[in-house]
Amino acid sequence: MHHKFDVNILRRAEVAFERRSFIKKNPSGAFSTMTKLMQWLFGVSLLATAWAVVTFDLFGLSFPPEYREVAWPMPVYLLVSFGCFSLATVGYRVATFNDCDEAARELQDQIKEAKEDLRKKGLKL
């Protein structure tokens, strides 16, 4: 089972992987982009700070009581909304997942080759 590998294909894959790296440095050596995790943590910390300021009146801003009544259950609403969004995203991506007919045929051919090789070596399938 010998395969011919094209060096250019491997090099293009390597370049594509490097382009998709999560942390990139600019010429000065400093980090120029945030990772997705850092973006999410930054957003959550901003929301948590705003929630704490409104809910516990940390700076003595004297918000009306209605603001506190709305702000108090907000983390639960956001968590449920995030769960619904995540479920919808996973469902959409599963529904639009592309079939790989060529890869399936290649895999079936490899299975046949492996079975033939094992039969030649005396294994009964």
PDB file of N, CA and C in Angstrom:
ATOM      1  N   MET A   1       0.844  -1.171   0.000  1.00  0.00           N
ATOM      2  CA  MET A   1       0.000   0.000   0.000  1.00  0.00           C
ATOM      3  C   MET A   1       0.892   1.238   0.000  1.00  0.00           C
ATOM      4  N   HIS A   2       1.387   1.589  -1.154  1.00  0.00           N
ATOM      5  CA  HIS A   2       2.289   2.729  -1.280  1.00  0.00           C
ATOM      6  C   HIS A   2       1.521   3.899  -1.879  1.00  0.00           C
ATOM      7  N   HIS A   3       1.732   5.052  -1.308  1.00  0.00           N
ATOM      8  CA  HIS A   3       1.078   6.264  -1.798  1.00  0.00           C
ATOM      9  C   HIS A   3       2.149   7.252  -2.215  1.00  0.00           C
ATOM     10  N   LYS A   4       1.848   7.983  -3.243  1.00  0.00           N
ATOM     11  CA  LYS A   4       2.755   9.044  -3.683  1.00  0.00           C
ATOM     12  C   LYS A   4       2.318  10.345  -3.019  1.00  0.00           C
ATOM     13  N   PHE A   5       3.225  10.964  -2.319  1.00  0.00           N
ATOM     14  CA  PHE A   5       2.924  12.234  -1.688  1.00  0.00           C
ATOM     15  C   PHE A   5       3.569  13.352  -2.488  1.00  0.00           C
ATOM     16  N   ASP A   6       2.804  14.357  -2.746  1.00  0.00           N
ATOM     17  CA  ASP A   6       3.308  15.522  -3.448  1.00  0.00           C
ATOM     18  C   ASP A   6       3.845  16.495  -2.399  1.00  0.00           C
ATOM     19  N   VAL A   7       5.099  16.838  -2.494  1.00  0.00           N
ATOM     20  CA  VAL A   7       5.742  17.729  -1.534  1.00  0.00           C
ATOM     21  C   VAL A   7       5.069  19.093  -1.539  1.00  0.00           C
ATOM     22  N   ASN A   8       4.600  19.525  -2.693  1.00  0.00           N
ATOM     23  CA  ASN A   8       3.942  20.836  -2.766  1.00  0.00           C
ATOM     24  C   ASN A   8       2.653  20.852  -1.963  1.00  0.00           C
ATOM     25  N   ILE A   9       1.908  19.743  -1.975  1.00  0.00           N
ATOM     26  CA  ILE A   9       0.667  19.680  -1.207  1.00  0.00           C
ATOM     27  C   ILE A   9       0.981  19.770   0.283  1.00  0.00           C
ATOM     28  N   LEU A  10       2.000  19.043   0.715  1.00  0.00           N
ATOM     29  CA  LEU A  10       2.376  19.102   2.123  1.00  0.00           C
ATOM     30  C   LEU A  10       2.838  20.500   2.526  1.00  0.00           C
ATOM     31  N   ARG A  11       3.583  21.163   1.661  1.00  0.00           N
ATOM     32  CA  ARG A  11       4.066  22.509   1.971  1.00  0.00           C
ATOM     33  C   ARG A  11       2.900  23.500   2.053  1.00  0.00           C
ATOM     34  N   ARG A  12       1.939  23.372   1.116  1.00  0.00           N
ATOM     35  CA  ARG A  12       0.776  24.260   1.158  1.00  0.00           C
ATOM     36  C   ARG A  12      -0.029  24.051   2.434  1.00  0.00           C
ATOM     37  N   ALA A  13      -0.153  22.794   2.872  1.00  0.00           N
ATOM     38  CA  ALA A  13      -0.867  22.518   4.114  1.00  0.00           C
ATOM     39  C   ALA A  13      -0.144  23.133   5.303  1.00  0.00           C
ATOM     40  N   GLU A  14       1.183  23.059   5.296  1.00  0.00           N
ATOM     41  CA  GLU A  14       1.973  23.631   6.379  1.00  0.00           C
ATOM     42  C   GLU A  14       1.813  25.151   6.413  1.00  0.00           C
ATOM     43  N   VAL A  15       1.840  25.789   5.259  1.00  0.00           N
ATOM     44  CA  VAL A  15       1.676  27.245   5.194  1.00  0.00           C
ATOM     45  C   VAL A  15       0.277  27.639   5.661  1.00  0.00           C
ATOM     46  N   ALA A  16      -0.738  26.866   5.254  1.00  0.00           N
ATOM     47  CA  ALA A  16      -2.103  27.172   5.675  1.00  0.00           C
ATOM     48  C   ALA A  16      -2.237  27.039   7.187  1.00  0.00           C
ATOM     49  N   PHE A  17      -1.587  26.032   7.766  1.00  0.00           N
ATOM     50  CA  PHE A  17      -1.638  25.860   9.207  1.00  0.00           C
ATOM     51  C   PHE A  17      -0.975  27.029   9.920  1.00  0.00           C
ATOM     52  N   GLU A  18       0.160  27.480   9.399  1.00  0.00           N
ATOM     53  CA  GLU A  18       0.856  28.614  10.016  1.00  0.00           C
ATOM     54  C   GLU A  18       0.013  29.878   9.964  1.00  0.00           C
ATOM     55  N   ARG A  19      -0.721  30.062   8.884  1.00  0.00           N
ATOM     56  CA  ARG A  19      -1.566  31.252   8.758  1.00  0.00           C
ATOM     57  C   ARG A  19      -2.706  31.233   9.761  1.00  0.00           C
ATOM     58  N   ARG A  20      -3.150  30.047  10.150  1.00  0.00           N
ATOM     59  CA  ARG A  20      -4.279  29.935  11.057  1.00  0.00           C
ATOM     60  C   ARG A  20      -3.846  29.883  12.517  1.00  0.00           C
ATOM     61  N   SER A  21      -2.587  30.127  12.796  1.00  0.00           N
ATOM     62  CA  SER A  21      -2.138  30.049  14.176  1.00  0.00           C
ATOM     63  C   SER A  21      -2.898  31.078  15.006  1.00  0.00           C
ATOM     64  N   PHE A  22      -3.101  30.776  16.264  1.00  0.00           N
ATOM     65  CA  PHE A  22      -3.942  31.605  17.101  1.00  0.00           C
ATOM     66  C   PHE A  22      -3.240  32.840  17.623  1.00  0.00           C
ATOM     67  N   ILE A  23      -1.953  32.756  17.866  1.00  0.00           N
ATOM     68  CA  ILE A  23      -1.221  33.905  18.384  1.00  0.00           C
ATOM     69  C   ILE A  23      -0.171  34.286  17.351  1.00  0.00           C
ATOM     70  N   LYS A  24      -0.235  35.495  16.900  1.00  0.00           N
ATOM     71  CA  LYS A  24       0.718  35.970  15.901  1.00  0.00           C
ATOM     72  C   LYS A  24       1.526  37.106  16.500  1.00  0.00           C
ATOM     73  N   LYS A  25       2.762  37.190  16.093  1.00  0.00           N
ATOM     74  CA  LYS A  25       3.608  38.283  16.552  1.00  0.00           C
ATOM     75  C   LYS A  25       3.853  39.245  15.403  1.00  0.00           C
ATOM     76  N   ASN A  26       3.829  40.516  15.728  1.00  0.00           N
ATOM     77  CA  ASN A  26       4.177  41.493  14.702  1.00  0.00           C
ATOM     78  C   ASN A  26       5.697  41.628  14.673  1.00  0.00           C
ATOM     79  N   PRO A  27       6.262  42.367  13.725  1.00  0.00           N
ATOM     80  CA  PRO A  27       7.730  42.452  13.600  1.00  0.00           C
ATOM     81  C   PRO A  27       8.447  42.902  14.868  1.00  0.00           C
ATOM     82  N   SER A  28       7.797  43.659  15.722  1.00  0.00           N
ATOM     83  CA  SER A  28       8.464  44.115  16.940  1.00  0.00           C
ATOM     84  C   SER A  28       8.525  43.019  18.000  1.00  0.00           C
ATOM     85  N   GLY A  29       7.830  41.890  17.770  1.00  0.00           N
ATOM     86  CA  GLY A  29       7.858  40.781  18.707  1.00  0.00           C
ATOM     87  C   GLY A  29       6.694  40.777  19.676  1.00  0.00           C
ATOM     88  N   ALA A  30       5.854  41.824  19.653  1.00  0.00           N
ATOM     89  CA  ALA A  30       4.711  41.879  20.559  1.00  0.00           C
ATOM     90  C   ALA A  30       3.550  41.099  19.953  1.00  0.00           C
ATOM     91  N   PHE A  31       2.674  40.605  20.808  1.00  0.00           N
ATOM     92  CA  PHE A  31       1.513  39.876  20.330  1.00  0.00           C
ATOM     93  C   PHE A  31       0.530  40.855  19.713  1.00  0.00           C
ATOM     94  N   SER A  32      -0.011  40.492  18.542  1.00  0.00           N
ATOM     95  CA  SER A  32      -0.883  41.435  17.846  1.00  0.00           C
ATOM     96  C   SER A  32      -2.341  40.998  17.817  1.00  0.00           C
ATOM     97  N   THR A  33      -2.635  39.745  18.115  1.00  0.00           N
ATOM     98  CA  THR A  33      -4.026  39.302  18.102  1.00  0.00           C
ATOM     99  C   THR A  33      -4.341  38.563  19.387  1.00  0.00           C
ATOM    100  N   MET A  34      -5.617  38.595  19.747  1.00  0.00           N
ATOM    101  CA  MET A  34      -6.068  37.879  20.925  1.00  0.00           C
ATOM    102  C   MET A  34      -6.578  36.507  20.504  1.00  0.00           C
ATOM    103  N   THR A  35      -6.400  35.526  21.350  1.00  0.00           N
ATOM    104  CA  THR A  35      -6.972  34.219  21.068  1.00  0.00           C
ATOM    105  C   THR A  35      -8.470  34.291  21.306  1.00  0.00           C
ATOM    106  N   LYS A  36      -9.194  33.296  20.806  1.00  0.00           N
ATOM    107  CA  LYS A  36     -10.638  33.261  21.030  1.00  0.00           C
ATOM    108  C   LYS A  36     -10.935  33.176  22.518  1.00  0.00           C
ATOM    109  N   LEU A  37     -10.141  32.389  23.235  1.00  0.00           N
ATOM    110  CA  LEU A  37     -10.347  32.272  24.677  1.00  0.00           C
ATOM    111  C   LEU A  37     -10.199  33.631  25.350  1.00  0.00           C
ATOM    112  N   MET A  38      -9.180  34.381  24.965  1.00  0.00           N
ATOM    113  CA  MET A  38      -8.971  35.698  25.569  1.00  0.00           C
ATOM    114  C   MET A  38     -10.121  36.645  25.228  1.00  0.00           C
ATOM    115  N   GLN A  39     -10.635  36.557  24.007  1.00  0.00           N
ATOM    116  CA  GLN A  39     -11.768  37.396  23.632  1.00  0.00           C
ATOM    117  C   GLN A  39     -12.992  37.070  24.484  1.00  0.00           C
ATOM    118  N   TRP A  40     -13.268  35.777  24.656  1.00  0.00           N
ATOM    119  CA  TRP A  40     -14.418  35.360  25.458  1.00  0.00           C
ATOM    120  C   TRP A  40     -14.240  35.780  26.916  1.00  0.00           C
ATOM    121  N   LEU A  41     -13.048  35.572  27.458  1.00  0.00           N
ATOM    122  CA  LEU A  41     -12.814  35.945  28.852  1.00  0.00           C
ATOM    123  C   LEU A  41     -12.930  37.452  29.054  1.00  0.00           C
ATOM    124  N   PHE A  42     -12.447  38.215  28.091  1.00  0.00           N
ATOM    125  CA  PHE A  42     -12.563  39.672  28.166  1.00  0.00           C
ATOM    126  C   PHE A  42     -14.031  40.099  28.151  1.00  0.00           C
ATOM    127  N   GLY A  43     -14.814  39.533  27.246  1.00  0.00           N
ATOM    128  CA  GLY A  43     -16.237  39.865  27.162  1.00  0.00           C
ATOM    129  C   GLY A  43     -17.003  39.471  28.412  1.00  0.00           C
ATOM    130  N   VAL A  44     -16.723  38.279  28.930  1.00  0.00           N
ATOM    131  CA  VAL A  44     -17.401  37.816  30.136  1.00  0.00           C
ATOM    132  C   VAL A  44     -17.017  38.681  31.334  1.00  0.00           C
ATOM    133  N   SER A  45     -15.755  39.068  31.411  1.00  0.00           N
ATOM    134  CA  SER A  45     -15.344  39.909  32.539  1.00  0.00           C
ATOM    135  C   SER A  45     -15.999  41.290  32.467  1.00  0.00           C
ATOM    136  N   LEU A  46     -16.157  41.834  31.260  1.00  0.00           N
ATOM    137  CA  LEU A  46     -16.858  43.118  31.131  1.00  0.00           C
ATOM    138  C   LEU A  46     -18.313  43.001  31.574  1.00  0.00           C
ATOM    139  N   LEU A  47     -18.980  41.931  31.125  1.00  0.00           N
ATOM    140  CA  LEU A  47     -20.375  41.733  31.521  1.00  0.00           C
ATOM    141  C   LEU A  47     -20.490  41.504  33.026  1.00  0.00           C
ATOM    142  N   ALA A  48     -19.570  40.728  33.600  1.00  0.00           N
ATOM    143  CA  ALA A  48     -19.608  40.467  35.037  1.00  0.00           C
ATOM    144  C   ALA A  48     -19.379  41.746  35.834  1.00  0.00           C
ATOM    145  N   THR A  49     -18.488  42.579  35.356  1.00  0.00           N
ATOM    146  CA  THR A  49     -18.228  43.849  36.044  1.00  0.00           C
ATOM    147  C   THR A  49     -19.454  44.752  35.993  1.00  0.00           C
ATOM    148  N   ALA A  50     -20.070  44.868  34.823  1.00  0.00           N
ATOM    149  CA  ALA A  50     -21.270  45.705  34.699  1.00  0.00           C
ATOM    150  C   ALA A  50     -22.398  45.155  35.570  1.00  0.00           C
ATOM    151  N   TRP A  51     -22.543  43.830  35.592  1.00  0.00           N
ATOM    152  CA  TRP A  51     -23.581  43.207  36.413  1.00  0.00           C
ATOM    153  C   TRP A  51     -23.341  43.490  37.894  1.00  0.00           C
ATOM    154  N   ALA A  52     -22.098  43.348  38.343  1.00  0.00           N
ATOM    155  CA  ALA A  52     -21.787  43.578  39.755  1.00  0.00           C
ATOM    156  C   ALA A  52     -22.017  45.041  40.141  1.00  0.00           C
ATOM    157  N   VAL A  53     -21.659  45.964  39.254  1.00  0.00           N
ATOM    158  CA  VAL A  53     -21.854  47.394  39.555  1.00  0.00           C
ATOM    159  C   VAL A  53     -23.335  47.707  39.705  1.00  0.00           C
ATOM    160  N   VAL A  54     -24.157  47.184  38.804  1.00  0.00           N
ATOM    161  CA  VAL A  54     -25.596  47.482  38.868  1.00  0.00           C
ATOM    162  C   VAL A  54     -26.253  46.733  40.022  1.00  0.00           C
ATOM    163  N   THR A  55     -25.913  45.463  40.208  1.00  0.00           N
ATOM    164  CA  THR A  55     -26.589  44.643  41.212  1.00  0.00           C
ATOM    165  C   THR A  55     -26.227  45.052  42.639  1.00  0.00           C
ATOM    166  N   PHE A  56     -24.962  45.284  42.895  1.00  0.00           N
ATOM    167  CA  PHE A  56     -24.518  45.571  44.254  1.00  0.00           C
ATOM    168  C   PHE A  56     -24.250  47.050  44.505  1.00  0.00           C
ATOM    169  N   ASP A  57     -24.509  47.894  43.518  1.00  0.00           N
ATOM    170  CA  ASP A  57     -24.321  49.341  43.630  1.00  0.00           C
ATOM    171  C   ASP A  57     -22.935  49.657  44.203  1.00  0.00           C
ATOM    172  N   LEU A  58     -21.918  49.135  43.524  1.00  0.00           N
ATOM    173  CA  LEU A  58     -20.540  49.225  44.010  1.00  0.00           C
ATOM    174  C   LEU A  58     -19.997  50.649  44.061  1.00  0.00           C
ATOM    175  N   PHE A  59     -20.434  51.497  43.160  1.00  0.00           N
ATOM    176  CA  PHE A  59     -19.900  52.859  43.116  1.00  0.00           C
ATOM    177  C   PHE A  59     -20.873  53.887  43.689  1.00  0.00           C
ATOM    178  N   GLY A  60     -21.936  53.433  44.313  1.00  0.00           N
ATOM    179  CA  GLY A  60     -22.905  54.351  44.908  1.00  0.00           C
ATOM    180  C   GLY A  60     -23.643  55.189  43.885  1.00  0.00           C
ATOM    181  N   LEU A  61     -23.964  54.607  42.736  1.00  0.00           N
ATOM    182  CA  LEU A  61     -24.631  55.352  41.668  1.00  0.00           C
ATOM    183  C   LEU A  61     -26.131  55.460  41.877  1.00  0.00           C
ATOM    184  N   SER A  62     -26.677  54.758  42.849  1.00  0.00           N
ATOM    185  CA  SER A  62     -28.102  54.811  43.209  1.00  0.00           C
ATOM    186  C   SER A  62     -29.008  54.535  42.014  1.00  0.00           C
ATOM    187  N   PHE A  63     -28.837  53.358  41.437  1.00  0.00           N
ATOM    188  CA  PHE A  63     -29.725  52.952  40.349  1.00  0.00           C
ATOM    189  C   PHE A  63     -31.115  52.684  40.902  1.00  0.00           C
ATOM    190  N   PRO A  64     -32.152  52.900  40.100  1.00  0.00           N
ATOM    191  CA  PRO A  64     -33.514  52.582  40.550  1.00  0.00           C
ATOM    192  C   PRO A  64     -33.642  51.081  40.865  1.00  0.00           C
ATOM    193  N   PRO A  65     -34.528  50.712  41.771  1.00  0.00           N
ATOM    194  CA  PRO A  65     -34.699  49.303  42.159  1.00  0.00           C
ATOM    195  C   PRO A  65     -35.074  48.405  40.973  1.00  0.00           C
ATOM    196  N   GLU A  66     -35.731  48.972  39.969  1.00  0.00           N
ATOM    197  CA  GLU A  66     -36.116  48.175  38.801  1.00  0.00           C
ATOM    198  C   GLU A  66     -34.874  47.642  38.075  1.00  0.00           C
ATOM    199  N   TYR A  67     -33.814  48.429  38.063  1.00  0.00           N
ATOM    200  CA  TYR A  67     -32.571  47.992  37.409  1.00  0.00           C
ATOM    201  C   TYR A  67     -32.015  46.758  38.111  1.00  0.00           C
ATOM    202  N   ARG A  68     -32.037  46.797  39.450  1.00  0.00           N
ATOM    203  CA  ARG A  68     -31.534  45.643  40.198  1.00  0.00           C
ATOM    204  C   ARG A  68     -32.413  44.421  39.975  1.00  0.00           C
ATOM    205  N   GLU A  69     -33.717  44.617  39.897  1.00  0.00           N
ATOM    206  CA  GLU A  69     -34.622  43.489  39.674  1.00  0.00           C
ATOM    207  C   GLU A  69     -34.377  42.835  38.322  1.00  0.00           C
ATOM    208  N   VAL A  70     -34.008  43.629  37.335  1.00  0.00           N
ATOM    209  CA  VAL A  70     -33.713  43.088  36.008  1.00  0.00           C
ATOM    210  C   VAL A  70     -32.311  42.496  35.976  1.00  0.00           C
ATOM    211  N   ALA A  71     -31.368  43.129  36.638  1.00  0.00           N
ATOM    212  CA  ALA A  71     -29.975  42.701  36.577  1.00  0.00           C
ATOM    213  C   ALA A  71     -29.714  41.435  37.387  1.00  0.00           C
ATOM    214  N   TRP A  72     -30.436  41.229  38.495  1.00  0.00           N
ATOM    215  CA  TRP A  72     -30.132  40.107  39.372  1.00  0.00           C
ATOM    216  C   TRP A  72     -30.190  38.748  38.645  1.00  0.00           C
ATOM    217  N   PRO A  73     -31.242  38.413  37.879  1.00  0.00           N
ATOM    218  CA  PRO A  73     -31.275  37.097  37.208  1.00  0.00           C
ATOM    219  C   PRO A  73     -30.566  37.084  35.840  1.00  0.00           C
ATOM    220  N   MET A  74     -29.946  38.178  35.465  1.00  0.00           N
ATOM    221  CA  MET A  74     -29.332  38.273  34.134  1.00  0.00           C
ATOM    222  C   MET A  74     -28.308  37.172  33.843  1.00  0.00           C
ATOM    223  N   PRO A  75     -27.436  36.761  34.773  1.00  0.00           N
ATOM    224  CA  PRO A  75     -26.488  35.682  34.458  1.00  0.00           C
ATOM    225  C   PRO A  75     -27.188  34.384  34.046  1.00  0.00           C
ATOM    226  N   VAL A  76     -28.306  34.079  34.678  1.00  0.00           N
ATOM    227  CA  VAL A  76     -29.045  32.866  34.313  1.00  0.00           C
ATOM    228  C   VAL A  76     -29.599  33.001  32.902  1.00  0.00           C
ATOM    229  N   TYR A  77     -30.167  34.152  32.582  1.00  0.00           N
ATOM    230  CA  TYR A  77     -30.699  34.373  31.227  1.00  0.00           C
ATOM    231  C   TYR A  77     -29.587  34.263  30.187  1.00  0.00           C
ATOM    232  N   LEU A  78     -28.433  34.856  30.479  1.00  0.00           N
ATOM    233  CA  LEU A  78     -27.310  34.796  29.541  1.00  0.00           C
ATOM    234  C   LEU A  78     -26.792  33.374  29.375  1.00  0.00           C
ATOM    235  N   LEU A  79     -26.748  32.616  30.455  1.00  0.00           N
ATOM    236  CA  LEU A  79     -26.300  31.224  30.383  1.00  0.00           C
ATOM    237  C   LEU A  79     -27.256  30.384  29.542  1.00  0.00           C
ATOM    238  N   VAL A  80     -28.548  30.555  29.739  1.00  0.00           N
ATOM    239  CA  VAL A  80     -29.539  29.823  28.939  1.00  0.00           C
ATOM    240  C   VAL A  80     -29.453  30.249  27.474  1.00  0.00           C
ATOM    241  N   SER A  81     -29.283  31.532  27.230  1.00  0.00           N
ATOM    242  CA  SER A  81     -29.153  32.016  25.848  1.00  0.00           C
ATOM    243  C   SER A  81     -27.904  31.444  25.182  1.00  0.00           C
ATOM    244  N   PHE A  82     -26.801  31.402  25.918  1.00  0.00           N
ATOM    245  CA  PHE A  82     -25.565  30.841  25.383  1.00  0.00           C
ATOM    246  C   PHE A  82     -25.744  29.357  25.070  1.00  0.00           C
ATOM    247  N   GLY A  83     -26.427  28.630  25.939  1.00  0.00           N
ATOM    248  CA  GLY A  83     -26.699  27.213  25.693  1.00  0.00           C
ATOM    249  C   GLY A  83     -27.536  27.010  24.448  1.00  0.00           C
ATOM    250  N   CYS A  84     -28.567  27.822  24.265  1.00  0.00           N
ATOM    251  CA  CYS A  84     -29.410  27.724  23.068  1.00  0.00           C
ATOM    252  C   CYS A  84     -28.613  28.049  21.811  1.00  0.00           C
ATOM    253  N   PHE A  85     -27.786  29.079  21.874  1.00  0.00           N
ATOM    254  CA  PHE A  85     -26.950  29.449  20.739  1.00  0.00           C
ATOM    255  C   PHE A  85     -25.979  28.323  20.398  1.00  0.00           C
ATOM    256  N   SER A  86     -25.357  27.734  21.418  1.00  0.00           N
ATOM    257  CA  SER A  86     -24.409  26.642  21.187  1.00  0.00           C
ATOM    258  C   SER A  86     -25.102  25.441  20.568  1.00  0.00           C
ATOM    259  N   LEU A  87     -26.272  25.092  21.077  1.00  0.00           N
ATOM    260  CA  LEU A  87     -27.032  23.966  20.534  1.00  0.00           C
ATOM    261  C   LEU A  87     -27.441  24.226  19.088  1.00  0.00           C
ATOM    262  N   ALA A  88     -27.876  25.439  18.796  1.00  0.00           N
ATOM    263  CA  ALA A  88     -28.250  25.784  17.423  1.00  0.00           C
ATOM    264  C   ALA A  88     -27.044  25.738  16.493  1.00  0.00           C
ATOM    265  N   THR A  89     -25.895  26.213  16.965  1.00  0.00           N
ATOM    266  CA  THR A  89     -24.678  26.188  16.151  1.00  0.00           C
ATOM    267  C   THR A  89     -24.255  24.763  15.834  1.00  0.00           C
ATOM    268  N   VAL A  90     -24.251  23.903  16.845  1.00  0.00           N
ATOM    269  CA  VAL A  90     -23.881  22.503  16.618  1.00  0.00           C
ATOM    270  C   VAL A  90     -24.871  21.843  15.665  1.00  0.00           C
ATOM    271  N   GLY A  91     -26.154  22.086  15.862  1.00  0.00           N
ATOM    272  CA  GLY A  91     -27.170  21.516  14.977  1.00  0.00           C
ATOM    273  C   GLY A  91     -27.002  21.973  13.540  1.00  0.00           C
ATOM    274  N   TYR A  92     -26.743  23.249  13.355  1.00  0.00           N
ATOM    275  CA  TYR A  92     -26.555  23.780  12.003  1.00  0.00           C
ATOM    276  C   TYR A  92     -25.334  23.162  11.337  1.00  0.00           C
ATOM    277  N   ARG A  93     -24.240  23.067  12.082  1.00  0.00           N
ATOM    278  CA  ARG A  93     -23.013  22.513  11.494  1.00  0.00           C
ATOM    279  C   ARG A  93     -23.139  21.034  11.196  1.00  0.00           C
ATOM    280  N   VAL A  94     -23.894  20.304  12.004  1.00  0.00           N
ATOM    281  CA  VAL A  94     -24.137  18.893  11.704  1.00  0.00           C
ATOM    282  C   VAL A  94     -25.011  18.774  10.462  1.00  0.00           C
ATOM    283  N   ALA A  95     -26.018  19.632  10.351  1.00  0.00           N
ATOM    284  CA  ALA A  95     -26.928  19.571   9.203  1.00  0.00           C
ATOM    285  C   ALA A  95     -26.241  19.952   7.900  1.00  0.00           C
ATOM    286  N   THR A  96     -25.252  20.820   7.953  1.00  0.00           N
ATOM    287  CA  THR A  96     -24.581  21.275   6.731  1.00  0.00           C
ATOM    288  C   THR A  96     -23.226  20.620   6.538  1.00  0.00           C
ATOM    289  N   PHE A  97     -22.958  19.536   7.267  1.00  0.00           N
ATOM    290  CA  PHE A  97     -21.680  18.835   7.156  1.00  0.00           C
ATOM    291  C   PHE A  97     -21.558  18.220   5.771  1.00  0.00           C
ATOM    292  N   ASN A  98     -20.429  18.448   5.118  1.00  0.00           N
ATOM    293  CA  ASN A  98     -20.224  17.937   3.763  1.00  0.00           C
ATOM    294  C   ASN A  98     -19.822  16.471   3.789  1.00  0.00           C
ATOM    295  N   ASP A  99     -20.398  15.702   2.864  1.00  0.00           N
ATOM    296  CA  ASP A  99     -19.971  14.318   2.690  1.00  0.00           C
ATOM    297  C   ASP A  99     -18.667  14.318   1.905  1.00  0.00           C
ATOM    298  N   CYS A 100     -17.809  13.410   2.249  1.00  0.00           N
ATOM    299  CA  CYS A 100     -16.519  13.294   1.571  1.00  0.00           C
ATOM    300  C   CYS A 100     -16.524  11.996   0.779  1.00  0.00           C
ATOM    301  N   ASP A 101     -17.161  12.016  -0.394  1.00  0.00           N
ATOM    302  CA  ASP A 101     -17.296  10.804  -1.200  1.00  0.00           C
ATOM    303  C   ASP A 101     -15.943  10.254  -1.621  1.00  0.00           C
ATOM    304  N   GLU A 102     -15.046  11.131  -2.008  1.00  0.00           N
ATOM    305  CA  GLU A 102     -13.728  10.685  -2.454  1.00  0.00           C
ATOM    306  C   GLU A 102     -12.963  10.023  -1.306  1.00  0.00           C
ATOM    307  N   ALA A 103     -13.032  10.618  -0.126  1.00  0.00           N
ATOM    308  CA  ALA A 103     -12.351  10.040   1.030  1.00  0.00           C
ATOM    309  C   ALA A 103     -12.992   8.715   1.420  1.00  0.00           C
ATOM    310  N   ALA A 104     -14.304   8.610   1.291  1.00  0.00           N
ATOM    311  CA  ALA A 104     -14.986   7.356   1.612  1.00  0.00           C
ATOM    312  C   ALA A 104     -14.547   6.250   0.652  1.00  0.00           C
ATOM    313  N   ARG A 105     -14.457   6.569  -0.630  1.00  0.00           N
ATOM    314  CA  ARG A 105     -14.001   5.570  -1.614  1.00  0.00           C
ATOM    315  C   ARG A 105     -12.559   5.153  -1.324  1.00  0.00           C
ATOM    316  N   GLU A 106     -11.716   6.128  -1.002  1.00  0.00           N
ATOM    317  CA  GLU A 106     -10.324   5.825  -0.696  1.00  0.00           C
ATOM    318  C   GLU A 106     -10.228   4.922   0.531  1.00  0.00           C
ATOM    319  N   LEU A 107     -11.032   5.196   1.534  1.00  0.00           N
ATOM    320  CA  LEU A 107     -11.019   4.380   2.739  1.00  0.00           C
ATOM    321  C   LEU A 107     -11.510   2.961   2.443  1.00  0.00           C
ATOM    322  N   GLN A 108     -12.556   2.841   1.623  1.00  0.00           N
ATOM    323  CA  GLN A 108     -13.046   1.513   1.246  1.00  0.00           C
ATOM    324  C   GLN A 108     -11.971   0.746   0.482  1.00  0.00           C
ATOM    325  N   ASP A 109     -11.257   1.417  -0.405  1.00  0.00           N
ATOM    326  CA  ASP A 109     -10.165   0.768  -1.142  1.00  0.00           C
ATOM    327  C   ASP A 109      -9.070   0.305  -0.190  1.00  0.00           C
ATOM    328  N   GLN A 110      -8.734   1.117   0.784  1.00  0.00           N
ATOM    329  CA  GLN A 110      -7.712   0.743   1.751  1.00  0.00           C
ATOM    330  C   GLN A 110      -8.157  -0.458   2.588  1.00  0.00           C
ATOM    331  N   ILE A 111      -9.440  -0.503   2.928  1.00  0.00           N
ATOM    332  CA  ILE A 111      -9.965  -1.647   3.678  1.00  0.00           C
ATOM    333  C   ILE A 111      -9.857  -2.912   2.846  1.00  0.00           C
ATOM    334  N   LYS A 112     -10.226  -2.820   1.566  1.00  0.00           N
ATOM    335  CA  LYS A 112     -10.110  -3.980   0.683  1.00  0.00           C
ATOM    336  C   LYS A 112      -8.664  -4.444   0.561  1.00  0.00           C
ATOM    337  N   GLU A 113      -7.734  -3.489   0.408  1.00  0.00           N
ATOM    338  CA  GLU A 113      -6.314  -3.838   0.319  1.00  0.00           C
ATOM    339  C   GLU A 113      -5.836  -4.523   1.600  1.00  0.00           C
ATOM    340  N   ALA A 114      -6.275  -4.018   2.744  1.00  0.00           N
ATOM    341  CA  ALA A 114      -5.864  -4.608   4.018  1.00  0.00           C
ATOM    342  C   ALA A 114      -6.415  -6.024   4.160  1.00  0.00           C
ATOM    343  N   LYS A 115      -7.678  -6.218   3.754  1.00  0.00           N
ATOM    344  CA  LYS A 115      -8.273  -7.558   3.826  1.00  0.00           C
ATOM    345  C   LYS A 115      -7.527  -8.534   2.917  1.00  0.00           C
ATOM    346  N   GLU A 116      -7.224  -8.084   1.701  1.00  0.00           N
ATOM    347  CA  GLU A 116      -6.486  -8.942   0.776  1.00  0.00           C
ATOM    348  C   GLU A 116      -5.111  -9.283   1.332  1.00  0.00           C
ATOM    349  N   ASP A 117      -4.441  -8.309   1.910  1.00  0.00           N
ATOM    350  CA  ASP A 117      -3.119  -8.534   2.490  1.00  0.00           C
ATOM    351  C   ASP A 117      -3.190  -9.537   3.643  1.00  0.00           C
ATOM    352  N   LEU A 118      -4.217  -9.396   4.479  1.00  0.00           N
ATOM    353  CA  LEU A 118      -4.369 -10.334   5.590  1.00  0.00           C
ATOM    354  C   LEU A 118      -4.706 -11.740   5.105  1.00  0.00           C
ATOM    355  N   ARG A 119      -5.518 -11.841   4.042  1.00  0.00           N
ATOM    356  CA  ARG A 119      -5.839 -13.159   3.468  1.00  0.00           C
ATOM    357  C   ARG A 119      -4.580 -13.829   2.910  1.00  0.00           C
ATOM    358  N   LYS A 120      -3.726 -13.010   2.281  1.00  0.00           N
ATOM    359  CA  LYS A 120      -2.466 -13.549   1.739  1.00  0.00           C
ATOM    360  C   LYS A 120      -1.576 -14.088   2.851  1.00  0.00           C
ATOM    361  N   LYS A 121      -1.684 -13.458   4.023  1.00  0.00           N
ATOM    362  CA  LYS A 121      -0.864 -13.896   5.167  1.00  0.00           C
ATOM    363  C   LYS A 121      -1.508 -15.035   5.946  1.00  0.00           C
ATOM    364  N   GLY A 122      -2.684 -15.506   5.495  1.00  0.00           N
ATOM    365  CA  GLY A 122      -3.310 -16.675   6.089  1.00  0.00           C
ATOM    366  C   GLY A 122      -4.406 -16.393   7.092  1.00  0.00           C
ATOM    367  N   LEU A 123      -4.804 -15.160   7.281  1.00  0.00           N
ATOM    368  CA  LEU A 123      -5.869 -14.852   8.221  1.00  0.00           C
ATOM    369  C   LEU A 123      -7.202 -14.988   7.520  1.00  0.00           C
ATOM    370  N   LYS A 124      -8.129 -15.714   8.143  1.00  0.00           N
ATOM    371  CA  LYS A 124      -9.458 -15.902   7.554  1.00  0.00           C
ATOM    372  C   LYS A 124     -10.408 -14.859   8.103  1.00  0.00           C
ATOM    373  N   LEU A 125     -11.055 -14.149   7.191  1.00  0.00           N
ATOM    374  CA  LEU A 125     -12.023 -13.098   7.605  1.00  0.00           C
ATOM    375  C   LEU A 125     -13.431 -13.531   7.335  1.00  0.00           C
TER     376      LEU A 125
END
